[in-house]
N, C-alpha and C. Protein backbone atom coordinates (compact mmCIF):
# COMPACT_ATOMS: atom_id res chain seq x y z
N MET A 1 0.80 -1.35 0.10
CA MET A 1 0.05 -0.24 0.13
C MET A 1 0.43 1.27 0.09
N LYS A 2 0.13 2.50 -0.83
CA LYS A 2 1.18 3.16 -0.88
C LYS A 2 1.01 4.34 0.04
N ILE A 3 2.13 4.81 1.21
CA ILE A 3 2.22 5.65 2.09
C ILE A 3 1.67 6.88 1.31
N LYS A 4 0.60 7.42 2.38
CA LYS A 4 0.11 9.10 2.74
C LYS A 4 -0.03 10.04 3.11
N ALA A 5 0.61 9.60 4.36
CA ALA A 5 0.50 10.43 5.06
C ALA A 5 1.34 9.75 6.22
N VAL A 6 1.78 11.49 7.19
CA VAL A 6 3.38 10.91 8.16
C VAL A 6 3.10 11.57 9.21
N VAL A 7 2.63 10.67 10.45
CA VAL A 7 2.25 11.22 11.56
C VAL A 7 3.00 11.39 12.80
N TRP A 8 3.79 12.62 13.33
CA TRP A 8 4.85 12.82 14.49
C TRP A 8 3.88 13.26 15.93
N ASP A 9 4.75 12.46 16.11
CA ASP A 9 4.80 13.00 18.25
C ASP A 9 5.11 13.94 18.19
N MET A 10 4.32 14.90 19.67
CA MET A 10 5.69 16.32 19.77
C MET A 10 6.30 15.45 20.63
N GLY A 11 5.81 15.94 22.03
CA GLY A 11 7.09 15.80 23.08
C GLY A 11 8.24 14.57 23.32
N GLY A 12 9.92 14.69 23.50
CA GLY A 12 9.97 13.79 23.37
C GLY A 12 10.83 13.47 21.32
N VAL A 13 9.86 14.06 20.21
CA VAL A 13 10.56 13.99 19.07
C VAL A 13 10.17 15.20 18.43
N ILE A 14 10.18 16.50 18.77
CA ILE A 14 9.84 16.62 17.66
C ILE A 14 10.13 18.34 18.47
N LEU A 15 10.15 18.48 20.14
CA LEU A 15 10.48 18.97 21.04
C LEU A 15 10.95 18.24 21.87
N ARG A 16 12.17 18.02 22.58
CA ARG A 16 12.66 17.07 23.09
C ARG A 16 13.47 18.00 24.43
N THR A 17 13.59 17.57 25.31
CA THR A 17 14.86 17.81 26.62
C THR A 17 16.17 17.44 26.35
N GLU A 18 16.29 18.53 25.60
CA GLU A 18 18.07 18.42 25.29
C GLU A 18 19.12 18.78 26.42
N ASP A 19 18.55 20.05 27.53
CA ASP A 19 20.43 19.66 28.76
C ASP A 19 18.77 19.63 30.46
N TRP A 20 19.35 18.46 30.61
CA TRP A 20 18.38 17.80 32.28
C TRP A 20 19.29 18.50 33.42
N ASN A 21 19.89 19.89 33.10
CA ASN A 21 20.49 20.15 34.04
C ASN A 21 19.11 20.84 34.75
N SER A 22 18.87 21.47 34.83
CA SER A 22 17.92 22.62 34.87
C SER A 22 16.80 22.11 35.63
N ARG A 23 16.44 20.35 35.16
CA ARG A 23 15.22 19.72 35.57
C ARG A 23 15.76 18.56 36.66
N GLN A 24 17.54 17.96 37.07
CA GLN A 24 17.73 17.75 37.75
C GLN A 24 18.02 18.90 39.41
N GLU A 25 18.61 20.03 39.35
CA GLU A 25 18.08 20.71 39.69
C GLU A 25 17.77 21.19 40.48
N LEU A 26 15.96 21.31 39.80
CA LEU A 26 15.34 21.17 40.28
C LEU A 26 14.12 20.25 41.57
N ALA A 27 15.13 19.01 40.78
CA ALA A 27 14.39 17.67 41.71
C ALA A 27 14.86 17.97 43.21
N LEU A 28 16.93 17.71 42.35
CA LEU A 28 16.80 18.13 43.76
C LEU A 28 16.75 19.21 45.15
N SER A 29 15.93 20.16 44.48
CA SER A 29 16.07 20.65 45.64
C SER A 29 14.86 20.90 46.11
N PHE A 30 13.85 19.73 45.65
CA PHE A 30 12.54 19.45 46.30
C PHE A 30 12.81 18.09 47.07
N ASP A 31 14.53 17.75 47.15
CA ASP A 31 14.42 16.23 47.56
C ASP A 31 13.64 15.26 46.72
N LEU A 32 13.43 15.24 45.22
CA LEU A 32 13.12 14.44 44.47
C LEU A 32 13.93 13.98 43.60
N SER A 33 13.62 12.27 43.04
CA SER A 33 14.82 12.06 41.94
C SER A 33 13.71 12.54 40.44
N LEU A 34 14.51 12.06 39.75
CA LEU A 34 14.15 12.68 38.22
C LEU A 34 12.84 12.81 38.29
N ARG A 35 12.62 10.91 38.73
CA ARG A 35 12.05 10.45 38.09
C ARG A 35 10.78 10.60 39.07
N GLU A 36 10.23 11.23 39.78
CA GLU A 36 8.91 11.26 40.98
C GLU A 36 9.01 13.04 40.61
N LEU A 37 9.66 13.30 40.07
CA LEU A 37 9.42 14.92 39.61
C LEU A 37 8.12 14.65 38.31
N HIS A 38 9.23 13.88 37.24
CA HIS A 38 8.63 13.45 35.89
C HIS A 38 7.40 13.51 36.23
N ASP A 39 7.20 12.23 37.43
CA ASP A 39 5.51 11.19 37.88
C ASP A 39 4.72 12.23 37.87
N LEU A 40 5.41 13.11 38.90
CA LEU A 40 4.67 14.77 39.46
C LEU A 40 3.20 15.43 37.86
N VAL A 41 5.11 16.06 37.29
CA VAL A 41 4.28 17.14 36.08
C VAL A 41 3.40 15.74 35.26
N PHE A 42 3.92 14.86 34.86
CA PHE A 42 3.24 14.39 33.49
C PHE A 42 2.53 12.15 34.18
N ASN A 43 2.68 12.04 34.64
CA ASN A 43 1.64 10.94 35.53
C ASN A 43 1.08 10.97 36.67
N SER A 44 0.56 12.13 37.25
CA SER A 44 -0.06 11.95 38.29
C SER A 44 -1.19 11.92 37.88
N ASP A 45 -2.52 11.82 38.30
CA ASP A 45 -3.87 11.56 37.72
C ASP A 45 -4.38 13.16 37.83
N SER A 46 -4.46 14.16 38.38
CA SER A 46 -4.29 15.81 37.42
C SER A 46 -3.69 15.48 36.45
N ALA A 47 -2.47 15.39 35.75
CA ALA A 47 -1.62 14.83 34.38
C ALA A 47 -2.80 14.47 33.51
N ARG A 48 -2.92 12.86 33.94
CA ARG A 48 -3.74 12.49 33.62
C ARG A 48 -4.99 13.22 33.06
N GLN A 49 -5.92 13.67 33.69
CA GLN A 49 -7.55 14.76 33.39
C GLN A 49 -6.78 15.76 33.19
N ALA A 50 -5.28 16.69 32.60
CA ALA A 50 -5.54 17.07 31.80
C ALA A 50 -5.15 16.61 30.95
N THR A 51 -4.58 15.70 30.15
CA THR A 51 -4.32 15.21 28.95
C THR A 51 -6.01 14.65 28.16
N LEU A 52 -6.35 14.71 29.25
CA LEU A 52 -7.65 14.47 28.31
C LEU A 52 -8.90 15.01 28.09
N GLY A 53 -8.07 16.68 28.48
CA GLY A 53 -9.24 17.93 28.44
C GLY A 53 -10.11 18.05 30.22
N LEU A 54 -9.46 16.96 30.95
CA LEU A 54 -11.36 16.82 31.86
C LEU A 54 -10.86 18.14 32.61
N ILE A 55 -9.42 19.18 33.15
CA ILE A 55 -9.00 20.66 33.25
C ILE A 55 -8.75 21.05 32.35
N ASP A 56 -8.08 21.81 32.41
CA ASP A 56 -6.86 22.25 31.48
C ASP A 56 -5.64 22.60 31.89
N HIS A 57 -4.99 23.33 31.42
CA HIS A 57 -3.01 22.81 31.98
C HIS A 57 -2.40 24.09 33.39
N LYS A 58 -4.01 25.18 34.05
CA LYS A 58 -3.80 25.74 34.50
C LYS A 58 -4.14 25.25 36.18
N ALA A 59 -5.44 24.87 35.97
CA ALA A 59 -5.70 23.56 36.68
C ALA A 59 -4.75 22.45 37.67
N HIS A 60 -4.16 22.20 36.18
CA HIS A 60 -2.98 21.15 36.99
C HIS A 60 -1.84 21.61 37.12
N TRP A 61 -1.74 22.62 37.13
CA TRP A 61 -0.55 23.32 38.11
C TRP A 61 -0.45 23.65 38.52
N MET A 62 -1.67 24.63 39.14
CA MET A 62 -2.19 25.01 40.12
C MET A 62 -2.10 23.27 40.85
N ASN A 63 -2.71 22.10 40.67
CA ASN A 63 -3.28 21.00 41.59
C ASN A 63 -1.17 20.62 42.17
N ILE A 64 0.38 20.67 41.16
CA ILE A 64 0.92 20.70 41.68
C ILE A 64 1.46 21.93 42.76
N ALA A 65 0.90 22.70 42.61
CA ALA A 65 1.67 24.15 43.07
C ALA A 65 0.72 23.86 45.15
N ARG A 66 -0.08 23.02 44.62
CA ARG A 66 -0.59 23.08 45.86
C ARG A 66 0.09 21.51 47.10
N ALA A 67 0.70 20.95 45.98
CA ALA A 67 1.38 19.51 46.16
C ALA A 67 2.60 19.58 46.61
N MET A 68 3.10 20.89 46.05
CA MET A 68 4.55 21.11 46.23
C MET A 68 4.92 22.57 46.90
N GLU A 69 3.61 22.81 47.94
CA GLU A 69 2.77 24.20 48.64
C GLU A 69 3.92 25.85 47.84
N LEU A 70 3.71 25.19 46.84
CA LEU A 70 4.61 26.34 46.15
C LEU A 70 3.71 28.23 46.16
N SER A 71 3.87 29.17 46.25
CA SER A 71 3.67 30.45 46.17
C SER A 71 3.49 30.71 44.41
N GLU A 72 2.89 31.44 44.22
CA GLU A 72 2.10 31.53 42.62
C GLU A 72 3.77 32.59 42.03
N ALA A 73 4.37 33.04 43.11
CA ALA A 73 6.42 32.83 42.63
C ALA A 73 7.34 31.97 42.41
N GLY A 74 6.24 30.80 43.28
CA GLY A 74 6.82 29.77 42.80
C GLY A 74 7.15 29.07 42.32
N LEU A 75 5.77 28.61 41.87
CA LEU A 75 5.06 28.13 40.31
C LEU A 75 5.85 28.00 38.96
N ARG A 76 5.68 29.88 38.71
CA ARG A 76 6.89 30.33 38.18
C ARG A 76 8.23 30.33 37.92
N ASP A 77 8.38 29.65 38.72
CA ASP A 77 9.47 29.30 39.29
C ASP A 77 10.26 27.82 39.08
N PHE A 78 9.11 27.73 39.19
CA PHE A 78 9.25 25.76 39.24
C PHE A 78 8.97 25.44 37.47
N GLN A 79 7.88 26.17 37.08
CA GLN A 79 8.02 25.99 35.25
C GLN A 79 8.78 26.56 34.87
N LYS A 80 9.87 27.49 34.66
CA LYS A 80 11.12 28.23 33.84
C LYS A 80 11.73 27.22 34.12
N ARG A 81 12.22 26.33 35.54
CA ARG A 81 13.12 25.66 35.46
C ARG A 81 12.76 24.15 35.11
N PHE A 82 11.83 23.66 35.42
CA PHE A 82 11.63 23.02 34.80
C PHE A 82 12.01 22.55 32.65
N TRP A 83 10.98 23.54 31.98
CA TRP A 83 10.91 23.94 31.12
C TRP A 83 11.90 24.04 30.31
N ALA A 84 13.08 24.94 30.87
CA ALA A 84 14.74 25.17 30.72
C ALA A 84 15.24 25.06 29.63
N GLY A 85 15.22 22.88 29.46
CA GLY A 85 16.25 22.12 28.70
C GLY A 85 15.55 22.19 27.82
N ASP A 86 14.36 22.63 26.98
CA ASP A 86 13.52 21.96 26.10
C ASP A 86 13.78 22.58 25.40
N GLU A 87 13.90 22.39 23.71
CA GLU A 87 14.49 22.06 22.20
C GLU A 87 13.19 22.45 21.16
N LEU A 88 13.05 23.01 20.77
CA LEU A 88 12.70 22.61 19.15
C LEU A 88 13.43 21.96 18.33
N ASP A 89 12.93 20.78 17.94
CA ASP A 89 13.78 20.77 16.88
C ASP A 89 13.45 20.70 15.00
N SER A 90 14.46 22.23 15.17
CA SER A 90 13.60 22.99 14.25
C SER A 90 14.66 22.31 12.48
N ASN A 91 15.30 21.27 12.65
CA ASN A 91 15.74 20.69 11.36
C ASN A 91 15.16 19.75 10.52
N LEU A 92 14.23 18.89 11.76
CA LEU A 92 13.50 17.42 11.90
C LEU A 92 11.90 19.11 11.33
N VAL A 93 11.29 19.78 12.48
CA VAL A 93 10.90 20.68 11.77
C VAL A 93 10.78 20.71 10.19
N SER A 94 11.95 21.62 9.65
CA SER A 94 11.99 21.22 8.67
C SER A 94 11.61 20.35 7.17
N PHE A 95 12.37 19.06 7.68
CA PHE A 95 12.24 17.91 7.23
C PHE A 95 10.87 17.99 6.91
N ILE A 96 9.79 17.86 8.31
CA ILE A 96 9.10 17.53 8.04
C ILE A 96 8.16 18.60 6.81
N ARG A 97 8.22 19.86 6.30
CA ARG A 97 7.61 20.59 6.07
C ARG A 97 7.65 19.94 4.97
N LYS A 98 9.29 19.61 4.45
CA LYS A 98 9.54 19.65 2.98
C LYS A 98 8.58 18.37 2.39
N LEU A 99 8.05 17.48 3.35
CA LEU A 99 7.06 15.92 3.51
C LEU A 99 5.32 16.71 2.79
N GLN A 100 5.43 18.63 3.15
CA GLN A 100 4.52 18.49 2.54
C GLN A 100 4.23 18.60 1.27
N ASP A 101 4.44 18.17 0.63
CA ASP A 101 3.99 18.44 -0.87
C ASP A 101 3.58 17.61 -1.53
N THR A 102 3.99 16.10 -1.18
CA THR A 102 3.97 14.77 -1.06
C THR A 102 3.18 13.88 -0.60
N TYR A 103 2.88 14.30 0.88
CA TYR A 103 2.59 12.95 2.08
C TYR A 103 1.64 14.44 2.74
N THR A 104 0.44 13.88 3.07
CA THR A 104 -0.03 14.25 4.87
C THR A 104 0.46 14.72 6.08
N THR A 105 0.47 15.49 6.52
CA THR A 105 1.66 15.46 7.66
C THR A 105 0.47 15.83 8.82
N GLY A 106 0.87 15.37 9.38
CA GLY A 106 0.11 15.28 10.90
C GLY A 106 1.06 15.21 12.37
N LEU A 107 0.25 15.32 14.01
CA LEU A 107 0.89 16.35 14.77
C LEU A 107 -0.22 15.36 15.56
N LEU A 108 0.51 14.58 16.30
CA LEU A 108 -0.29 13.75 17.42
C LEU A 108 0.11 13.46 18.62
N SER A 109 -0.25 14.11 19.28
CA SER A 109 -0.05 14.74 21.15
C SER A 109 -0.87 14.24 22.18
N ASN A 110 -0.15 13.29 23.32
CA ASN A 110 -1.03 13.63 24.33
C ASN A 110 -0.58 14.63 24.67
N ALA A 111 -1.29 15.76 24.65
CA ALA A 111 -0.87 17.61 25.14
C ALA A 111 -2.36 17.99 26.37
N TRP A 112 -1.58 18.85 27.19
CA TRP A 112 -2.43 19.73 27.56
C TRP A 112 -2.88 20.91 26.62
N SER A 113 -4.20 21.81 27.07
CA SER A 113 -3.91 22.88 26.53
C SER A 113 -4.21 23.53 25.87
N ASP A 114 -2.38 24.10 26.96
CA ASP A 114 -2.10 25.06 26.05
C ASP A 114 -1.00 24.72 24.81
N ALA A 115 -1.07 23.25 24.99
CA ALA A 115 0.26 22.79 22.89
C ALA A 115 -0.19 23.54 22.19
N ARG A 116 -1.44 23.90 21.80
CA ARG A 116 -1.61 24.39 20.71
C ARG A 116 -1.13 25.54 20.43
N GLN A 117 -1.20 27.01 21.50
CA GLN A 117 -0.95 28.36 21.47
C GLN A 117 0.46 27.97 21.67
N MET A 118 0.83 27.50 21.79
CA MET A 118 2.98 26.85 22.26
C MET A 118 3.54 26.42 21.12
N LEU A 119 3.19 25.29 20.48
CA LEU A 119 3.41 25.53 18.71
C LEU A 119 3.30 26.86 17.34
N ALA A 120 2.37 26.89 17.88
CA ALA A 120 1.84 28.23 17.29
C ALA A 120 2.52 29.39 17.19
N GLN A 121 2.32 29.96 18.50
CA GLN A 121 3.39 31.27 18.27
C GLN A 121 4.79 30.89 19.66
N LYS A 122 5.06 30.43 20.42
CA LYS A 122 6.30 30.28 20.89
C LYS A 122 7.25 29.60 19.79
N TYR A 123 7.29 28.40 19.46
CA TYR A 123 7.66 27.50 18.35
C TYR A 123 6.93 27.77 16.27
N SER A 124 6.25 28.13 15.98
CA SER A 124 6.07 28.39 15.10
C SER A 124 6.15 27.75 14.30
N CYS A 125 5.32 26.20 14.50
CA CYS A 125 5.99 25.17 13.83
C CYS A 125 4.55 24.10 13.08
N LEU A 126 3.35 25.57 14.15
CA LEU A 126 2.37 24.30 13.57
C LEU A 126 1.84 23.98 12.53
N ASP A 127 2.29 25.05 11.52
CA ASP A 127 2.07 24.53 10.27
C ASP A 127 2.81 24.11 8.85
N ALA A 128 3.74 23.38 9.88
CA ALA A 128 4.24 21.91 9.45
C ALA A 128 3.78 21.15 9.49
N PHE A 129 2.48 20.67 9.95
CA PHE A 129 1.70 19.58 9.62
C PHE A 129 0.00 19.97 9.15
N HIS A 130 -0.15 19.53 7.88
CA HIS A 130 -1.44 19.48 7.79
C HIS A 130 -2.99 19.20 8.67
N TYR A 131 -2.64 18.86 9.98
CA TYR A 131 -3.32 18.46 10.59
C TYR A 131 -2.76 18.31 12.38
N SER A 132 -3.55 18.48 13.10
CA SER A 132 -2.85 18.84 14.28
C SER A 132 -3.87 18.51 15.67
N ILE A 133 -3.49 17.62 16.22
CA ILE A 133 -4.64 16.56 17.17
C ILE A 133 -3.86 16.48 18.26
N PHE A 134 -4.33 17.33 19.34
CA PHE A 134 -4.04 16.91 20.88
C PHE A 134 -5.37 16.65 21.55
N SER A 135 -4.97 15.43 22.21
CA SER A 135 -5.89 14.64 23.16
C SER A 135 -6.65 15.15 23.94
N CYS A 136 -5.97 16.76 24.72
CA CYS A 136 -6.97 16.73 26.07
C CYS A 136 -7.96 18.02 25.05
N GLU A 137 -7.55 18.18 23.74
CA GLU A 137 -9.27 18.48 22.54
C GLU A 137 -10.09 18.10 22.39
N ILE A 138 -9.65 16.90 22.43
CA ILE A 138 -10.82 15.25 22.28
C ILE A 138 -11.63 14.35 22.86
N GLY A 139 -10.68 14.28 24.10
CA GLY A 139 -10.67 13.22 24.93
C GLY A 139 -10.36 11.95 25.31
N LEU A 140 -9.43 12.31 24.31
CA LEU A 140 -8.96 10.77 23.61
C LEU A 140 -7.09 11.25 24.62
N ALA A 141 -6.53 9.26 24.66
CA ALA A 141 -5.08 9.46 24.31
C ALA A 141 -4.24 8.47 23.70
N LYS A 142 -3.38 8.40 23.63
CA LYS A 142 -2.54 7.70 23.04
C LYS A 142 -2.28 6.33 24.16
N PRO A 143 -1.96 5.18 24.31
CA PRO A 143 -2.40 4.09 23.67
C PRO A 143 -3.60 3.91 23.24
N ASP A 144 -4.60 4.61 22.93
CA ASP A 144 -6.06 4.24 23.11
C ASP A 144 -6.32 4.44 21.44
N PRO A 145 -6.57 3.04 21.01
CA PRO A 145 -7.13 2.72 19.92
C PRO A 145 -7.87 3.74 18.58
N ALA A 146 -8.45 3.82 19.25
CA ALA A 146 -9.59 4.93 19.17
C ALA A 146 -9.19 6.45 19.00
N ILE A 147 -7.94 6.69 19.66
CA ILE A 147 -7.03 8.55 19.45
C ILE A 147 -6.48 7.99 17.68
N TYR A 148 -6.23 6.15 17.67
CA TYR A 148 -5.79 6.23 15.81
C TYR A 148 -6.02 6.63 15.04
N GLU A 149 -7.71 6.02 15.33
CA GLU A 149 -8.97 5.64 14.51
C GLU A 149 -9.01 7.18 13.95
N TYR A 150 -9.53 8.14 15.01
CA TYR A 150 -9.57 9.37 14.52
C TYR A 150 -9.06 10.54 13.59
N LEU A 151 -7.34 9.99 14.08
CA LEU A 151 -6.54 10.42 13.07
C LEU A 151 -6.65 10.33 11.56
N LEU A 152 -6.80 8.35 11.58
CA LEU A 152 -6.75 8.67 10.06
C LEU A 152 -8.17 9.39 9.00
N ASN A 153 -8.77 8.68 10.18
CA ASN A 153 -10.12 9.76 9.51
C ASN A 153 -9.94 11.00 9.06
N ILE A 154 -9.31 11.83 10.16
CA ILE A 154 -9.35 12.89 9.58
C ILE A 154 -7.79 13.09 8.31
N CYS A 155 -7.36 12.16 8.44
CA CYS A 155 -6.40 12.48 7.07
C CYS A 155 -6.89 12.06 6.28
N GLY A 156 -8.17 11.29 6.27
CA GLY A 156 -8.58 10.36 5.09
C GLY A 156 -7.63 9.29 4.73
N VAL A 157 -6.85 8.93 5.53
CA VAL A 157 -6.22 7.79 4.75
C VAL A 157 -6.80 6.21 5.63
N LYS A 158 -6.02 5.28 5.26
CA LYS A 158 -6.06 4.21 5.37
C LYS A 158 -4.57 3.48 6.57
N PRO A 159 -4.42 2.34 7.58
CA PRO A 159 -3.86 2.38 8.60
C PRO A 159 -2.80 2.12 8.29
N SER A 160 -3.04 1.30 6.59
CA SER A 160 -1.38 0.92 6.03
C SER A 160 -0.94 1.73 5.34
N GLU A 161 -1.22 3.36 4.93
CA GLU A 161 -0.96 3.95 4.46
C GLU A 161 -0.65 5.32 5.12
N ALA A 162 -0.26 5.21 6.84
CA ALA A 162 0.39 6.01 6.99
C ALA A 162 0.92 5.28 8.27
N ILE A 163 2.47 6.34 8.26
CA ILE A 163 3.95 6.27 8.91
C ILE A 163 3.49 7.36 10.44
N PHE A 164 3.28 6.56 11.43
CA PHE A 164 3.55 6.75 12.79
C PHE A 164 4.65 7.31 13.64
N VAL A 165 5.83 8.30 13.89
CA VAL A 165 6.72 8.06 14.80
C VAL A 165 6.36 8.81 16.22
N ASP A 166 6.74 8.31 17.27
CA ASP A 166 6.87 8.37 18.44
C ASP A 166 8.06 7.62 19.10
N ASP A 167 7.95 8.61 20.80
CA ASP A 167 9.52 8.24 21.51
C ASP A 167 9.00 6.74 22.20
N ALA A 168 7.64 7.25 22.27
CA ALA A 168 7.41 5.77 23.19
C ALA A 168 6.58 3.92 22.85
N ILE A 169 7.38 3.55 23.23
CA ILE A 169 6.90 1.84 22.48
C ILE A 169 5.84 1.83 22.77
N GLU A 170 4.75 1.72 23.71
CA GLU A 170 3.71 1.06 24.08
C GLU A 170 2.63 2.44 22.61
N ASN A 171 3.12 3.33 22.26
CA ASN A 171 2.33 4.55 21.31
C ASN A 171 2.39 4.15 20.20
N ILE A 172 3.92 3.23 19.56
CA ILE A 172 4.37 2.07 18.63
C ILE A 172 3.46 0.90 18.91
N ASP A 173 3.92 0.16 20.05
CA ASP A 173 2.98 -1.00 19.57
C ASP A 173 1.16 -0.72 19.12
N ALA A 174 0.60 0.23 19.38
CA ALA A 174 -1.15 0.50 19.15
C ALA A 174 -0.82 0.89 17.79
N ALA A 175 -0.12 1.96 17.29
CA ALA A 175 -0.30 2.10 15.58
C ALA A 175 -0.01 0.90 15.00
N ASN A 176 1.42 0.43 15.67
CA ASN A 176 1.07 -1.34 14.84
C ASN A 176 0.44 -1.81 15.17
N ASN A 177 -0.15 -2.32 15.44
CA ASN A 177 -1.87 -3.37 16.32
C ASN A 177 -2.78 -2.71 14.54
N LEU A 178 -2.74 -1.54 14.50
CA LEU A 178 -4.26 -1.17 13.83
C LEU A 178 -3.89 -1.17 12.67
N GLY A 179 -2.28 -1.06 12.17
CA GLY A 179 -1.74 -1.53 11.21
C GLY A 179 -1.01 -0.55 10.02
N MET A 180 0.00 0.60 10.77
CA MET A 180 -0.16 1.54 10.11
C MET A 180 1.94 0.99 10.54
N ALA A 181 2.64 1.82 10.48
CA ALA A 181 3.99 1.78 9.87
C ALA A 181 4.48 2.59 11.45
N GLY A 182 4.70 2.23 12.27
CA GLY A 182 4.90 2.41 13.39
C GLY A 182 6.49 2.60 13.52
N ILE A 183 7.17 4.27 14.04
CA ILE A 183 8.66 3.62 14.18
C ILE A 183 8.82 4.47 15.38
N HIS A 184 9.92 3.65 15.87
CA HIS A 184 9.80 4.34 17.74
C HIS A 184 11.01 4.78 17.08
N PHE A 185 10.66 6.13 17.81
CA PHE A 185 11.77 7.73 17.92
C PHE A 185 13.01 6.64 18.70
N VAL A 186 14.55 7.57 18.30
CA VAL A 186 15.57 7.74 19.12
C VAL A 186 16.14 8.37 19.67
N ASN A 187 16.03 8.70 18.03
CA ASN A 187 17.25 10.29 17.13
C ASN A 187 16.16 10.47 16.28
N ALA A 188 16.62 12.15 16.07
CA ALA A 188 16.49 13.25 14.78
C ALA A 188 16.91 11.64 13.05
N ASP A 189 17.81 11.11 13.62
CA ASP A 189 18.69 10.90 12.67
C ASP A 189 17.70 9.63 12.51
N GLN A 190 17.95 8.72 13.27
CA GLN A 190 17.55 6.89 12.82
C GLN A 190 16.39 8.10 12.34
N ALA A 191 14.97 8.18 12.80
CA ALA A 191 13.76 8.15 12.67
C ALA A 191 13.54 8.67 10.98
N VAL A 192 14.36 9.92 10.86
CA VAL A 192 14.57 10.77 9.69
C VAL A 192 13.95 9.32 8.40
N SER A 193 15.57 8.92 8.56
CA SER A 193 16.68 7.55 7.95
C SER A 193 15.04 6.28 8.27
N GLU A 194 14.67 6.20 8.94
CA GLU A 194 13.80 5.23 8.61
C GLU A 194 12.04 5.90 7.93
N VAL A 195 11.65 7.08 8.34
CA VAL A 195 10.69 7.54 7.87
C VAL A 195 10.74 7.68 6.24
N LYS A 196 12.27 7.65 5.35
CA LYS A 196 12.63 7.40 4.10
C LYS A 196 12.54 6.72 3.46
N PHE A 197 13.41 5.84 4.71
CA PHE A 197 13.00 4.02 4.23
C PHE A 197 11.96 3.45 3.81
N ILE A 198 10.84 3.91 4.08
CA ILE A 198 9.59 3.90 4.03
C ILE A 198 8.90 3.89 3.21
N LEU A 199 9.55 5.30 2.94
CA LEU A 199 8.48 5.70 1.74
C LEU A 199 9.29 5.41 0.74
N GLU A 200 10.81 5.82 0.30
CA GLU A 200 11.24 4.33 -0.59
C GLU A 200 10.61 3.23 -1.20
N GLN A 201 10.85 2.11 0.17
CA GLN A 201 9.39 1.17 0.03
C GLN A 201 8.31 1.63 -1.20
N SER A 202 7.42 2.81 -0.37
CA SER A 202 6.76 2.44 -0.47
C SER A 202 6.19 3.11 -1.64
N ASN A 203 7.67 3.59 -3.03
CA ASN A 203 7.00 4.38 -3.49
C ASN A 203 7.39 3.47 -5.21
N GLN A 204 8.48 2.54 -4.64
CA GLN A 204 8.97 1.72 -5.58
C GLN A 204 7.35 0.30 -6.25
N GLY A 205 7.17 0.51 -4.66
CA GLY A 205 6.03 -0.55 -5.30
C GLY A 205 4.61 -0.41 -5.38
N SER A 206 4.66 1.15 -6.33
CA SER A 206 3.84 1.37 -6.56
C SER A 206 3.03 1.36 -7.96
């Protein structure tokens, strides 16, 4: 089947933590391990609610502030230090933009209510995708098969016509189980190389 769509994850793929020093120092300042800090922000009940759009990102951060006994200024400092090492992979985004002439490009992210505005305004990269789907906006999250089916319907493609790139293996497994061509993101060079290979194979078979 000829590939018609290439879909990407956000966090850990196009937007990655490249410098862990600030986050590690933040964890130590609260006598937490990096894993405990990560779980507080991303894997708590509050985070899951924000991911599904049951609460907005501000409510989630207020829950963190209460849990950590942070003042308003303390929360702002916490957020600044937590995100300090995150960078957009501009080269990867440029590659995705080049795909747009031939393929439908998509973004599929488990994300909170501020994600769309952040990518559009702070990082100016949302235009690299024909379709952008955020879990908080539709009440579905990876690896639920329903969110992939939603994506495929929006893009107008069959599972066998889509590549999906994500850094979480459980999300790749779910995509593969539906018949998509899942690529487990390890680094940008590896992911781009695998995308190109699948596209070349697809074109040769057409």
